[in-house]
């Protein structure tokens, strides 16, 4: 079913694309800092679990510093993630509207799903990907078969980090012994590593799609061939 293109107007996605890439890079950076902080937590917890290292006030001080750094890294991750999410959605909406100009009949989901698809239960598992595929196909310069490998890979890692991230964080919050904290810290670091990959794939997606739309806009409307 085609969607209405009422109010669709072509606007440059370059500024928003650049801002989105910068914020995605910040998300990846805060994830990297969290991994480094997680190593500190792991080392303290491992000393507790195996009964080695210096104990008493020295170990207590190490534990406090590791916990403080880990908490600060978590706050930085949250702030960076929410800031990036807002700008990403604005960029996503912009390229969707542009895609309607390029291909008015090439969209299977209504424009509202560009935003709602990320928050409506169950729809979050496939609607944003479907919208992204339609945007990609409408924005491709020239002909030839569409290749969706980048979108599929990005979406797979996004779903993975969305599922395992909260789960691993809950495991860490529930850990109280040295061994359980050590294991939970390892799992959270793995989840952060997945999130870094998801962010880097999102960077590549934003760059590619923004460039495609910019090039297609510069090329102007396709010539109409006369027949007969």
Foldseek 3Di string as FASTA:
>chain_A
DFEALPPQDADALVVLLVVLLVLLVQLLVLLVQLLVLLVLLLVLLVCQVVVDDDDDPVSVVSNVVSVVSNVVSVVSNVVSVVVSVVSVLVSQLNLLSLLCVLPVGQAPDYSVCSPVCCPDPPSVLPSNLRSLVSSQVSLAPDDDDDDCPLSVVLSVLVVVLVPQQVVLVVQCVPDDHSVSNNVSSVSNSVSSVSSSVSSVSVSVSSVVSSVSNVVVVVVDDDDDDDDD
